[in-house]
C-alpha atoms as a PDB file:
ATOM      1  CA  MET A   1      23.530 -39.843 -61.465  1.00  0.00           C
ATOM      2  CA  LYS A   2      24.539 -38.750 -64.986  1.00  0.00           C
ATOM      3  CA  GLN A   3      20.990 -38.392 -65.905  1.00  0.00           C
ATOM      4  CA  GLU A   4      20.347 -35.982 -62.958  1.00  0.00           C
ATOM      5  CA  LYS A   5      23.360 -33.916 -63.975  1.00  0.00           C
ATOM      6  CA  LEU A   6      22.151 -33.819 -67.570  1.00  0.00           C
ATOM      7  CA  GLN A   7      18.691 -32.807 -66.513  1.00  0.00           C
ATOM      8  CA  MET A   8      20.216 -30.085 -64.214  1.00  0.00           C
ATOM      9  CA  LYS A   9      22.210 -28.674 -67.189  1.00  0.00           C
ATOM     10  CA  ASN A  10      19.095 -28.797 -69.458  1.00  0.00           C
ATOM     11  CA  SER A  11      17.115 -26.944 -66.823  1.00  0.00           C
ATOM     12  CA  THR A  12      19.794 -24.383 -66.310  1.00  0.00           C
ATOM     13  CA  ALA A  13      20.053 -23.909 -70.114  1.00  0.00           C
ATOM     14  CA  LEU A  14      16.293 -23.466 -70.289  1.00  0.00           C
ATOM     15  CA  ALA A  15      16.248 -20.880 -67.511  1.00  0.00           C
ATOM     16  CA  ILE A  16      19.080 -18.844 -69.126  1.00  0.00           C
ATOM     17  CA  SER A  17      17.291 -19.001 -72.463  1.00  0.00           C
ATOM     18  CA  PHE A  18      14.028 -17.883 -70.967  1.00  0.00           C
ATOM     19  CA  ALA A  19      15.789 -15.057 -69.166  1.00  0.00           C
ATOM     20  CA  TRP A  20      17.402 -13.788 -72.394  1.00  0.00           C
ATOM     21  CA  GLU A  21      14.009 -13.999 -74.195  1.00  0.00           C
ATOM     22  CA  LEU A  22      12.320 -12.013 -71.407  1.00  0.00           C
ATOM     23  CA  GLY A  23      15.149  -9.401 -71.565  1.00  0.00           C
ATOM     24  CA  TYR A  24      14.712  -8.960 -75.299  1.00  0.00           C
ATOM     25  CA  SER A  25      10.962  -8.969 -75.016  1.00  0.00           C
ATOM     26  CA  ILE A  26      11.161  -6.047 -72.578  1.00  0.00           C
ATOM     27  CA  ALA A  27      14.163  -4.143 -74.029  1.00  0.00           C
ATOM     28  CA  ILE A  28      13.267  -4.067 -77.733  1.00  0.00           C
ATOM     29  CA  PRO A  29       9.780  -2.602 -77.443  1.00  0.00           C
ATOM     30  CA  LEU A  30      10.870  -0.154 -74.803  1.00  0.00           C
ATOM     31  CA  VAL A  31      13.887   1.150 -76.779  1.00  0.00           C
ATOM     32  CA  ALA A  32      11.981   1.181 -80.051  1.00  0.00           C
ATOM     33  CA  LEU A  33       8.912   2.994 -78.859  1.00  0.00           C
ATOM     34  CA  ALA A  34      10.899   5.325 -76.582  1.00  0.00           C
ATOM     35  CA  LEU A  35      13.198   6.397 -79.389  1.00  0.00           C
ATOM     36  CA  GLY A  36      10.196   6.705 -81.769  1.00  0.00           C
ATOM     37  CA  GLY A  37       8.357   8.855 -79.427  1.00  0.00           C
ATOM     38  CA  ARG A  38      11.401  11.060 -78.720  1.00  0.00           C
ATOM     39  CA  PHE A  39      11.913  11.495 -82.514  1.00  0.00           C
ATOM     40  CA  LEU A  40       8.204  12.377 -82.986  1.00  0.00           C
ATOM     41  CA  ASP A  41       8.337  14.825 -79.942  1.00  0.00           C
ATOM     42  CA  ARG A  42      11.195  16.676 -81.623  1.00  0.00           C
ATOM     43  CA  ARG A  43       9.506  16.674 -84.997  1.00  0.00           C
ATOM     44  CA  PHE A  44       6.108  17.957 -83.781  1.00  0.00           C
ATOM     45  CA  ASP A  45       7.368  19.905 -80.763  1.00  0.00           C
ATOM     46  CA  THR A  46       5.182  17.921 -78.237  1.00  0.00           C
ATOM     47  CA  ASP A  47       7.966  17.159 -75.708  1.00  0.00           C
ATOM     48  CA  PRO A  48       7.595  14.859 -73.656  1.00  0.00           C
ATOM     49  CA  PHE A  49       4.045  13.597 -74.559  1.00  0.00           C
ATOM     50  CA  LEU A  50       4.961  11.070 -77.296  1.00  0.00           C
ATOM     51  CA  PHE A  51       8.031   9.914 -75.483  1.00  0.00           C
ATOM     52  CA  LEU A  52       5.917   8.974 -72.456  1.00  0.00           C
ATOM     53  CA  THR A  53       3.196   7.535 -74.578  1.00  0.00           C
ATOM     54  CA  GLY A  54       5.786   5.264 -76.235  1.00  0.00           C
ATOM     55  CA  VAL A  55       7.163   4.171 -72.826  1.00  0.00           C
ATOM     56  CA  VAL A  56       3.717   3.372 -71.460  1.00  0.00           C
ATOM     57  CA  LEU A  57       2.759   1.525 -74.748  1.00  0.00           C
ATOM     58  CA  SER A  58       5.972  -0.507 -74.472  1.00  0.00           C
ATOM     59  CA  ILE A  59       5.117  -1.496 -70.932  1.00  0.00           C
ATOM     60  CA  PHE A  60       1.779  -2.842 -72.128  1.00  0.00           C
ATOM     61  CA  ILE A  61       3.294  -4.671 -75.045  1.00  0.00           C
ATOM     62  CA  SER A  62       6.151  -6.146 -72.933  1.00  0.00           C
ATOM     63  CA  THR A  63       3.742  -7.325 -70.403  1.00  0.00           C
ATOM     64  CA  LEU A  64       1.631  -9.105 -72.989  1.00  0.00           C
ATOM     65  CA  ILE A  65       4.674 -10.766 -74.601  1.00  0.00           C
ATOM     66  CA  VAL A  66       5.993 -11.882 -71.178  1.00  0.00           C
ATOM     67  CA  PHE A  67       2.637 -13.215 -70.175  1.00  0.00           C
ATOM     68  CA  LYS A  68       2.298 -15.281 -73.414  1.00  0.00           C
ATOM     69  CA  LYS A  69       5.758 -16.709 -73.138  1.00  0.00           C
ATOM     70  CA  SER A  70       5.261 -17.567 -69.515  1.00  0.00           C
ATOM     71  CA  MET A  71       2.029 -19.357 -70.223  1.00  0.00           C
ATOM     72  CA  LYS A  72       3.739 -21.294 -73.053  1.00  0.00           C
ATOM     73  CA  ILE A  73       6.601 -22.381 -70.823  1.00  0.00           C
ATOM     74  CA  MET A  74       4.221 -23.360 -67.966  1.00  0.00           C
ATOM     75  CA  ALA A  75       2.049 -25.438 -70.324  1.00  0.00           C
ATOM     76  CA  SER A  76       5.125 -27.251 -71.633  1.00  0.00           C
ATOM     77  CA  LEU A  77       6.406 -27.868 -68.158  1.00  0.00           C
ATOM     78  CA  GLU A  78       3.066 -29.196 -66.977  1.00  0.00           C
ATOM     79  CA  LYS A  79       2.885 -31.505 -70.033  1.00  0.00           C
ATOM     80  CA  GLU A  80       6.436 -32.762 -69.323  1.00  0.00           C
ATOM     81  CA  SER A  81       5.686 -33.404 -65.642  1.00  0.00           C
ATOM     82  CA  GLN A  82       2.493 -35.403 -66.524  1.00  0.00           C
ATOM     83  CA  ARG A  83       4.495 -37.445 -68.961  1.00  0.00           C
ATOM     84  CA  GLU A  84       7.033 -38.327 -66.257  1.00  0.00           C
ATOM     85  CA  LYS A  85       4.483 -39.349 -63.690  1.00  0.00           C
ATOM     86  CA  PRO A  86       3.173 -42.890 -63.923  1.00  0.00           C
ATOM     87  CA  PRO A  87      -0.666 -43.179 -63.783  1.00  0.00           C
ATOM     88  CA  THR A  88      -2.006 -44.126 -60.388  1.00  0.00           C
ATOM     89  CA  GLU A  89      -5.296 -45.601 -59.555  1.00  0.00           C
ATOM     90  CA  GLU A  90      -6.357 -42.809 -57.337  1.00  0.00           C
ATOM     91  CA  ARG A  91      -5.650 -40.146 -59.918  1.00  0.00           C
ATOM     92  CA  ASP A  92      -7.433 -42.107 -62.638  1.00  0.00           C
ATOM     93  CA  LYS A  93     -10.570 -42.697 -60.565  1.00  0.00           C
ATOM     94  CA  LYS A  94     -13.589 -40.664 -61.174  1.00  0.00           C
ATOM     95  CA  PRO A  95     -15.235 -38.872 -58.254  1.00  0.00           C
ATOM     96  CA  ASP A  96     -18.192 -40.618 -56.832  1.00  0.00           C
ATOM     97  CA  GLY A  97     -20.489 -37.850 -58.153  1.00  0.00           C
ATOM     98  CA  ASP A  98     -19.552 -38.524 -61.767  1.00  0.00           C
ATOM     99  CA  LYS A  99     -21.547 -41.423 -63.196  1.00  0.00           C
ATOM    100  CA  GLN A 100     -21.228 -42.039 -66.854  1.00  0.00           C
END
């Protein structure tokens, strides 16, 4: 029972940590590129072209960052779940078509 509670706390902590990371991964590029675009728009009198370019660019960058982090988390969860499962004969058997 204690192990289940500990595992629940660990999974909750991991979820909160992941949510914070995702928030920062989205907010930092958005704010930095939007403010940079706004600054350059005022400097070169190109309002709102560079601001919008910064926002669109930040969307692509944030998407890439979130995708990479999600894939990393999924790979670690898959590895952990495989480690917890005991090997079974059916899973270890090769299909009839594979003869080596």
